[in-house]
Protein backbone atom coordinates (compact mmCIF):
# COMPACT_ATOMS: atom_id res chain seq x y z
CA UNK A 1 0.00 0.00 0.00
CA UNK A 2 2.98 2.33 0.38
CA UNK A 3 3.34 3.00 -3.35
CA UNK A 4 -0.36 2.91 -4.10
CA UNK A 5 -2.10 6.17 -4.94
CA UNK A 6 -5.44 7.05 -3.43
CA UNK A 7 -7.05 6.62 -6.86
CA UNK A 8 -5.64 3.09 -7.19
CA UNK A 9 -6.88 2.16 -3.74
CA UNK A 10 -10.39 3.45 -4.46
CA UNK A 11 -10.47 1.71 -7.85
CA UNK A 12 -9.70 -1.58 -6.11
CA UNK A 13 -12.89 -1.29 -4.01
CA UNK A 14 -16.27 -2.71 -4.89
CA UNK A 15 -18.84 -0.38 -6.43
CA UNK A 16 -20.66 -0.09 -3.10
CA UNK A 17 -17.43 0.69 -1.24
CA UNK A 18 -16.55 3.31 -3.86
CA UNK A 19 -19.97 4.91 -3.33
CA UNK A 20 -19.31 5.08 0.42
CA UNK A 21 -15.99 6.81 -0.24
CA UNK A 22 -17.68 9.28 -2.62
CA UNK A 23 -20.39 10.05 -0.05
CA UNK A 24 -17.79 10.57 2.68
CA UNK A 25 -15.82 12.95 0.46
CA UNK A 26 -19.04 14.85 -0.33
CA UNK A 27 -19.79 14.97 3.40
CA UNK A 28 -16.34 16.44 4.12
CA UNK A 29 -16.78 19.04 1.38
CA UNK A 30 -20.13 20.17 2.78
CA UNK A 31 -18.73 20.33 6.30
CA UNK A 32 -15.72 22.28 5.05
CA UNK A 33 -18.02 25.00 3.78
CA UNK A 34 -20.11 25.33 6.92
CA UNK A 35 -19.54 27.21 10.16
CA UNK A 36 -19.52 24.03 12.25
CA UNK A 37 -16.42 22.50 10.66
CA UNK A 38 -15.27 19.42 12.59
CA UNK A 39 -12.02 19.94 14.46
CA UNK A 40 -10.35 16.95 12.84
CA UNK A 41 -10.72 14.16 10.32
CA UNK A 42 -11.57 11.81 13.20
CA UNK A 43 -14.40 14.11 14.27
CA UNK A 44 -15.72 14.19 10.70
CA UNK A 45 -15.52 10.41 10.44
CA UNK A 46 -17.41 9.97 13.71
CA UNK A 47 -20.11 12.39 12.57
CA UNK A 48 -20.42 10.59 9.21
CA UNK A 49 -20.75 7.24 10.98
CA UNK A 50 -23.49 8.66 13.21
CA UNK A 51 -25.39 10.14 10.25
CA UNK A 52 -25.04 7.18 7.85
CA UNK A 53 -25.27 3.95 9.86
CA UNK A 54 -27.31 2.12 7.19
CA UNK A 55 -24.69 2.71 4.50
CA UNK A 56 -21.94 1.49 6.79
CA UNK A 57 -24.00 -1.52 7.91
CA UNK A 58 -24.47 -2.61 4.29
CA UNK A 59 -20.74 -2.27 3.66
CA UNK A 60 -19.97 -4.44 6.66
CA UNK A 61 -21.96 -7.39 5.29
PDB file of N, CA and C in Angstrom:
ATOM      1  N   UNK A   1       0.813  -1.185   0.000  1.00  0.00           N
ATOM      2  CA  UNK A   1       0.000   0.000   0.000  1.00  0.00           C
ATOM      3  C   UNK A   1       0.864   1.259   0.000  1.00  0.00           C
ATOM      4  N   UNK A   2       2.133   1.157   0.290  1.00  0.00           N
ATOM      5  CA  UNK A   2       2.985   2.334   0.380  1.00  0.00           C
ATOM      6  C   UNK A   2       3.084   3.076  -0.948  1.00  0.00           C
ATOM      7  N   UNK A   3       3.201   2.347  -2.060  1.00  0.00           N
ATOM      8  CA  UNK A   3       3.340   2.996  -3.350  1.00  0.00           C
ATOM      9  C   UNK A   3       2.030   3.234  -4.067  1.00  0.00           C
ATOM     10  N   UNK A   4       0.958   2.808  -3.472  1.00  0.00           N
ATOM     11  CA  UNK A   4      -0.362   2.913  -4.097  1.00  0.00           C
ATOM     12  C   UNK A   4      -0.922   4.322  -3.950  1.00  0.00           C
ATOM     13  N   UNK A   5      -1.453   4.858  -5.038  1.00  0.00           N
ATOM     14  CA  UNK A   5      -2.101   6.167  -4.940  1.00  0.00           C
ATOM     15  C   UNK A   5      -3.506   5.992  -4.393  1.00  0.00           C
ATOM     16  N   UNK A   6      -4.068   7.087  -3.940  1.00  0.00           N
ATOM     17  CA  UNK A   6      -5.440   7.052  -3.434  1.00  0.00           C
ATOM     18  C   UNK A   6      -6.389   6.564  -4.514  1.00  0.00           C
ATOM     19  N   UNK A   7      -6.190   7.028  -5.742  1.00  0.00           N
ATOM     20  CA  UNK A   7      -7.051   6.623  -6.856  1.00  0.00           C
ATOM     21  C   UNK A   7      -6.978   5.107  -7.080  1.00  0.00           C
ATOM     22  N   UNK A   8      -5.781   4.542  -7.013  1.00  0.00           N
ATOM     23  CA  UNK A   8      -5.635   3.093  -7.191  1.00  0.00           C
ATOM     24  C   UNK A   8      -6.337   2.328  -6.084  1.00  0.00           C
ATOM     25  N   UNK A   9      -6.224   2.836  -4.864  1.00  0.00           N
ATOM     26  CA  UNK A   9      -6.877   2.164  -3.740  1.00  0.00           C
ATOM     27  C   UNK A   9      -8.388   2.192  -3.912  1.00  0.00           C
ATOM     28  N   UNK A  10      -8.939   3.341  -4.287  1.00  0.00           N
ATOM     29  CA  UNK A  10     -10.388   3.454  -4.463  1.00  0.00           C
ATOM     30  C   UNK A  10     -10.856   2.577  -5.618  1.00  0.00           C
ATOM     31  N   UNK A  11     -10.094   2.534  -6.696  1.00  0.00           N
ATOM     32  CA  UNK A  11     -10.471   1.715  -7.845  1.00  0.00           C
ATOM     33  C   UNK A  11     -10.482   0.227  -7.511  1.00  0.00           C
ATOM     34  N   UNK A  12      -9.736  -0.171  -6.499  1.00  0.00           N
ATOM     35  CA  UNK A  12      -9.705  -1.584  -6.113  1.00  0.00           C
ATOM     36  C   UNK A  12     -10.907  -1.988  -5.258  1.00  0.00           C
ATOM     37  N   UNK A  13     -11.713  -1.012  -4.841  1.00  0.00           N
ATOM     38  CA  UNK A  13     -12.889  -1.291  -4.011  1.00  0.00           C
ATOM     39  C   UNK A  13     -14.068  -1.738  -4.861  1.00  0.00           C
ATOM     40  N   UNK A  14     -15.028  -2.354  -4.204  1.00  0.00           N
ATOM     41  CA  UNK A  14     -16.270  -2.713  -4.887  1.00  0.00           C
ATOM     42  C   UNK A  14     -17.041  -1.433  -5.211  1.00  0.00           C
ATOM     43  N   UNK A  15     -18.031  -1.546  -6.070  1.00  0.00           N
ATOM     44  CA  UNK A  15     -18.840  -0.376  -6.435  1.00  0.00           C
ATOM     45  C   UNK A  15     -19.507   0.238  -5.202  1.00  0.00           C
ATOM     46  N   UNK A  16     -19.999  -0.592  -4.309  1.00  0.00           N
ATOM     47  CA  UNK A  16     -20.657  -0.090  -3.101  1.00  0.00           C
ATOM     48  C   UNK A  16     -19.657   0.609  -2.178  1.00  0.00           C
ATOM     49  N   UNK A  17     -18.465   0.055  -2.057  1.00  0.00           N
ATOM     50  CA  UNK A  17     -17.430   0.689  -1.237  1.00  0.00           C
ATOM     51  C   UNK A  17     -17.003   2.022  -1.851  1.00  0.00           C
ATOM     52  N   UNK A  18     -16.893   2.066  -3.187  1.00  0.00           N
ATOM     53  CA  UNK A  18     -16.551   3.313  -3.862  1.00  0.00           C
ATOM     54  C   UNK A  18     -17.625   4.374  -3.609  1.00  0.00           C
ATOM     55  N   UNK A  19     -18.879   3.971  -3.608  1.00  0.00           N
ATOM     56  CA  UNK A  19     -19.975   4.909  -3.327  1.00  0.00           C
ATOM     57  C   UNK A  19     -19.855   5.456  -1.911  1.00  0.00           C
ATOM     58  N   UNK A  20     -19.483   4.623  -0.954  1.00  0.00           N
ATOM     59  CA  UNK A  20     -19.308   5.084   0.421  1.00  0.00           C
ATOM     60  C   UNK A  20     -18.180   6.108   0.502  1.00  0.00           C
ATOM     61  N   UNK A  21     -17.099   5.856  -0.213  1.00  0.00           N
ATOM     62  CA  UNK A  21     -15.986   6.806  -0.238  1.00  0.00           C
ATOM     63  C   UNK A  21     -16.451   8.126  -0.847  1.00  0.00           C
ATOM     64  N   UNK A  22     -17.185   8.070  -1.964  1.00  0.00           N
ATOM     65  CA  UNK A  22     -17.680   9.279  -2.620  1.00  0.00           C
ATOM     66  C   UNK A  22     -18.588  10.074  -1.675  1.00  0.00           C
ATOM     67  N   UNK A  23     -19.469   9.368  -0.975  1.00  0.00           N
ATOM     68  CA  UNK A  23     -20.386  10.051  -0.052  1.00  0.00           C
ATOM     69  C   UNK A  23     -19.631  10.679   1.114  1.00  0.00           C
ATOM     70  N   UNK A  24     -18.581  10.004   1.590  1.00  0.00           N
ATOM     71  CA  UNK A  24     -17.795  10.570   2.684  1.00  0.00           C
ATOM     72  C   UNK A  24     -17.050  11.820   2.215  1.00  0.00           C
ATOM     73  N   UNK A  25     -16.505  11.775   1.008  1.00  0.00           N
ATOM     74  CA  UNK A  25     -15.819  12.953   0.461  1.00  0.00           C
ATOM     75  C   UNK A  25     -16.811  14.103   0.308  1.00  0.00           C
ATOM     76  N   UNK A  26     -18.003  13.820  -0.210  1.00  0.00           N
ATOM     77  CA  UNK A  26     -19.038  14.850  -0.325  1.00  0.00           C
ATOM     78  C   UNK A  26     -19.383  15.430   1.045  1.00  0.00           C
ATOM     79  N   UNK A  27     -19.493  14.548   2.028  1.00  0.00           N
ATOM     80  CA  UNK A  27     -19.786  14.969   3.397  1.00  0.00           C
ATOM     81  C   UNK A  27     -18.707  15.920   3.904  1.00  0.00           C
ATOM     82  N   UNK A  28     -17.440  15.583   3.674  1.00  0.00           N
ATOM     83  CA  UNK A  28     -16.343  16.440   4.118  1.00  0.00           C
ATOM     84  C   UNK A  28     -16.365  17.785   3.410  1.00  0.00           C
ATOM     85  N   UNK A  29     -16.700  17.779   2.131  1.00  0.00           N
ATOM     86  CA  UNK A  29     -16.781  19.040   1.384  1.00  0.00           C
ATOM     87  C   UNK A  29     -17.870  19.943   1.943  1.00  0.00           C
ATOM     88  N   UNK A  30     -19.025  19.376   2.225  1.00  0.00           N
ATOM     89  CA  UNK A  30     -20.126  20.166   2.779  1.00  0.00           C
ATOM     90  C   UNK A  30     -19.730  20.720   4.140  1.00  0.00           C
ATOM     91  N   UNK A  31     -19.142  19.897   4.967  1.00  0.00           N
ATOM     92  CA  UNK A  31     -18.733  20.335   6.302  1.00  0.00           C
ATOM     93  C   UNK A  31     -17.652  21.401   6.208  1.00  0.00           C
ATOM     94  N   UNK A  32     -16.786  21.304   5.219  1.00  0.00           N
ATOM     95  CA  UNK A  32     -15.720  22.283   5.052  1.00  0.00           C
ATOM     96  C   UNK A  32     -16.250  23.659   4.716  1.00  0.00           C
ATOM     97  N   UNK A  33     -17.446  23.732   4.142  1.00  0.00           N
ATOM     98  CA  UNK A  33     -18.022  25.004   3.775  1.00  0.00           C
ATOM     99  C   UNK A  33     -18.978  25.567   4.812  1.00  0.00           C
ATOM    100  N   UNK A  34     -19.152  24.864   5.911  1.00  0.00           N
ATOM    101  CA  UNK A  34     -20.110  25.330   6.923  1.00  0.00           C
ATOM    102  C   UNK A  34     -19.375  25.953   8.107  1.00  0.00           C
ATOM    103  N   UNK A  35     -20.122  26.570   8.984  1.00  0.00           N
ATOM    104  CA  UNK A  35     -19.535  27.214  10.160  1.00  0.00           C
ATOM    105  C   UNK A  35     -19.199  26.224  11.269  1.00  0.00           C
ATOM    106  N   UNK A  36     -19.764  25.024  11.208  1.00  0.00           N
ATOM    107  CA  UNK A  36     -19.516  24.028  12.253  1.00  0.00           C
ATOM    108  C   UNK A  36     -18.534  22.962  11.764  1.00  0.00           C
ATOM    109  N   UNK A  37     -17.426  23.403  11.202  1.00  0.00           N
ATOM    110  CA  UNK A  37     -16.416  22.498  10.658  1.00  0.00           C
ATOM    111  C   UNK A  37     -15.860  21.626  11.785  1.00  0.00           C
ATOM    112  N   UNK A  38     -15.853  20.293  11.562  1.00  0.00           N
ATOM    113  CA  UNK A  38     -15.272  19.421  12.588  1.00  0.00           C
ATOM    114  C   UNK A  38     -13.813  19.773  12.854  1.00  0.00           C
ATOM    115  N   UNK A  39     -13.375  19.576  14.073  1.00  0.00           N
ATOM    116  CA  UNK A  39     -12.020  19.943  14.463  1.00  0.00           C
ATOM    117  C   UNK A  39     -10.967  19.059  13.809  1.00  0.00           C
ATOM    118  N   UNK A  40     -11.337  17.854  13.413  1.00  0.00           N
ATOM    119  CA  UNK A  40     -10.351  16.947  12.836  1.00  0.00           C
ATOM    120  C   UNK A  40     -11.031  15.938  11.912  1.00  0.00           C
ATOM    121  N   UNK A  41     -10.204  15.217  11.182  1.00  0.00           N
ATOM    122  CA  UNK A  41     -10.718  14.158  10.319  1.00  0.00           C
ATOM    123  C   UNK A  41     -11.456  13.117  11.155  1.00  0.00           C
ATOM    124  N   UNK A  42     -10.923  12.793  12.320  1.00  0.00           N
ATOM    125  CA  UNK A  42     -11.569  11.808  13.195  1.00  0.00           C
ATOM    126  C   UNK A  42     -12.959  12.280  13.613  1.00  0.00           C
ATOM    127  N   UNK A  43     -13.091  13.569  13.918  1.00  0.00           N
ATOM    128  CA  UNK A  43     -14.402  14.107  14.274  1.00  0.00           C
ATOM    129  C   UNK A  43     -15.374  13.981  13.102  1.00  0.00           C
ATOM    130  N   UNK A  44     -14.880  14.295  11.893  1.00  0.00           N
ATOM    131  CA  UNK A  44     -15.720  14.194  10.699  1.00  0.00           C
ATOM    132  C   UNK A  44     -16.135  12.751  10.460  1.00  0.00           C
ATOM    133  N   UNK A  45     -15.199  11.821  10.632  1.00  0.00           N
ATOM    134  CA  UNK A  45     -15.515  10.406  10.437  1.00  0.00           C
ATOM    135  C   UNK A  45     -16.574   9.949  11.438  1.00  0.00           C
ATOM    136  N   UNK A  46     -16.431  10.346  12.689  1.00  0.00           N
ATOM    137  CA  UNK A  46     -17.412   9.967  13.712  1.00  0.00           C
ATOM    138  C   UNK A  46     -18.790  10.540  13.388  1.00  0.00           C
ATOM    139  N   UNK A  47     -18.829  11.771  12.923  1.00  0.00           N
ATOM    140  CA  UNK A  47     -20.106  12.389  12.571  1.00  0.00           C
ATOM    141  C   UNK A  47     -20.738  11.679  11.379  1.00  0.00           C
ATOM    142  N   UNK A  48     -19.918  11.313  10.386  1.00  0.00           N
ATOM    143  CA  UNK A  48     -20.415  10.592   9.209  1.00  0.00           C
ATOM    144  C   UNK A  48     -20.987   9.245   9.632  1.00  0.00           C
ATOM    145  N   UNK A  49     -20.288   8.544  10.489  1.00  0.00           N
ATOM    146  CA  UNK A  49     -20.751   7.242  10.984  1.00  0.00           C
ATOM    147  C   UNK A  49     -22.100   7.397  11.691  1.00  0.00           C
ATOM    148  N   UNK A  50     -22.234   8.438  12.489  1.00  0.00           N
ATOM    149  CA  UNK A  50     -23.488   8.664  13.215  1.00  0.00           C
ATOM    150  C   UNK A  50     -24.637   8.993  12.262  1.00  0.00           C
ATOM    151  N   UNK A  51     -24.341   9.714  11.179  1.00  0.00           N
ATOM    152  CA  UNK A  51     -25.386  10.143  10.250  1.00  0.00           C
ATOM    153  C   UNK A  51     -25.715   9.111   9.174  1.00  0.00           C
ATOM    154  N   UNK A  52     -24.833   8.150   8.936  1.00  0.00           N
ATOM    155  CA  UNK A  52     -25.040   7.185   7.853  1.00  0.00           C
ATOM    156  C   UNK A  52     -24.830   5.735   8.304  1.00  0.00           C
ATOM    157  N   UNK A  53     -25.495   5.313   9.378  1.00  0.00           N
ATOM    158  CA  UNK A  53     -25.272   3.948   9.865  1.00  0.00           C
ATOM    159  C   UNK A  53     -25.735   2.875   8.887  1.00  0.00           C
ATOM    160  N   UNK A  54     -26.801   3.134   8.125  1.00  0.00           N
ATOM    161  CA  UNK A  54     -27.312   2.118   7.194  1.00  0.00           C
ATOM    162  C   UNK A  54     -26.302   1.843   6.076  1.00  0.00           C
ATOM    163  N   UNK A  55     -25.713   2.877   5.537  1.00  0.00           N
ATOM    164  CA  UNK A  55     -24.693   2.707   4.497  1.00  0.00           C
ATOM    165  C   UNK A  55     -23.526   1.880   5.033  1.00  0.00           C
ATOM    166  N   UNK A  56     -23.072   2.201   6.203  1.00  0.00           N
ATOM    167  CA  UNK A  56     -21.942   1.486   6.789  1.00  0.00           C
ATOM    168  C   UNK A  56     -22.317   0.045   7.152  1.00  0.00           C
ATOM    169  N   UNK A  57     -23.562  -0.165   7.596  1.00  0.00           N
ATOM    170  CA  UNK A  57     -24.005  -1.519   7.914  1.00  0.00           C
ATOM    171  C   UNK A  57     -23.986  -2.392   6.670  1.00  0.00           C
ATOM    172  N   UNK A  58     -24.462  -1.840   5.535  1.00  0.00           N
ATOM    173  CA  UNK A  58     -24.465  -2.607   4.289  1.00  0.00           C
ATOM    174  C   UNK A  58     -23.056  -2.938   3.838  1.00  0.00           C
ATOM    175  N   UNK A  59     -22.126  -2.025   4.039  1.00  0.00           N
ATOM    176  CA  UNK A  59     -20.735  -2.273   3.659  1.00  0.00           C
ATOM    177  C   UNK A  59     -20.107  -3.359   4.516  1.00  0.00           C
ATOM    178  N   UNK A  60     -20.558  -3.469   5.746  1.00  0.00           N
ATOM    179  CA  UNK A  60     -19.972  -4.442   6.663  1.00  0.00           C
ATOM    180  C   UNK A  60     -20.408  -5.872   6.362  1.00  0.00           C
ATOM    181  N   UNK A  61     -21.463  -6.036   5.583  1.00  0.00           N
ATOM    182  CA  UNK A  61     -21.958  -7.388   5.288  1.00  0.00           C
ATOM    183  C   UNK A  61     -21.086  -8.134   4.339  1.00  0.00           C
TER     184      UNK A  61
END
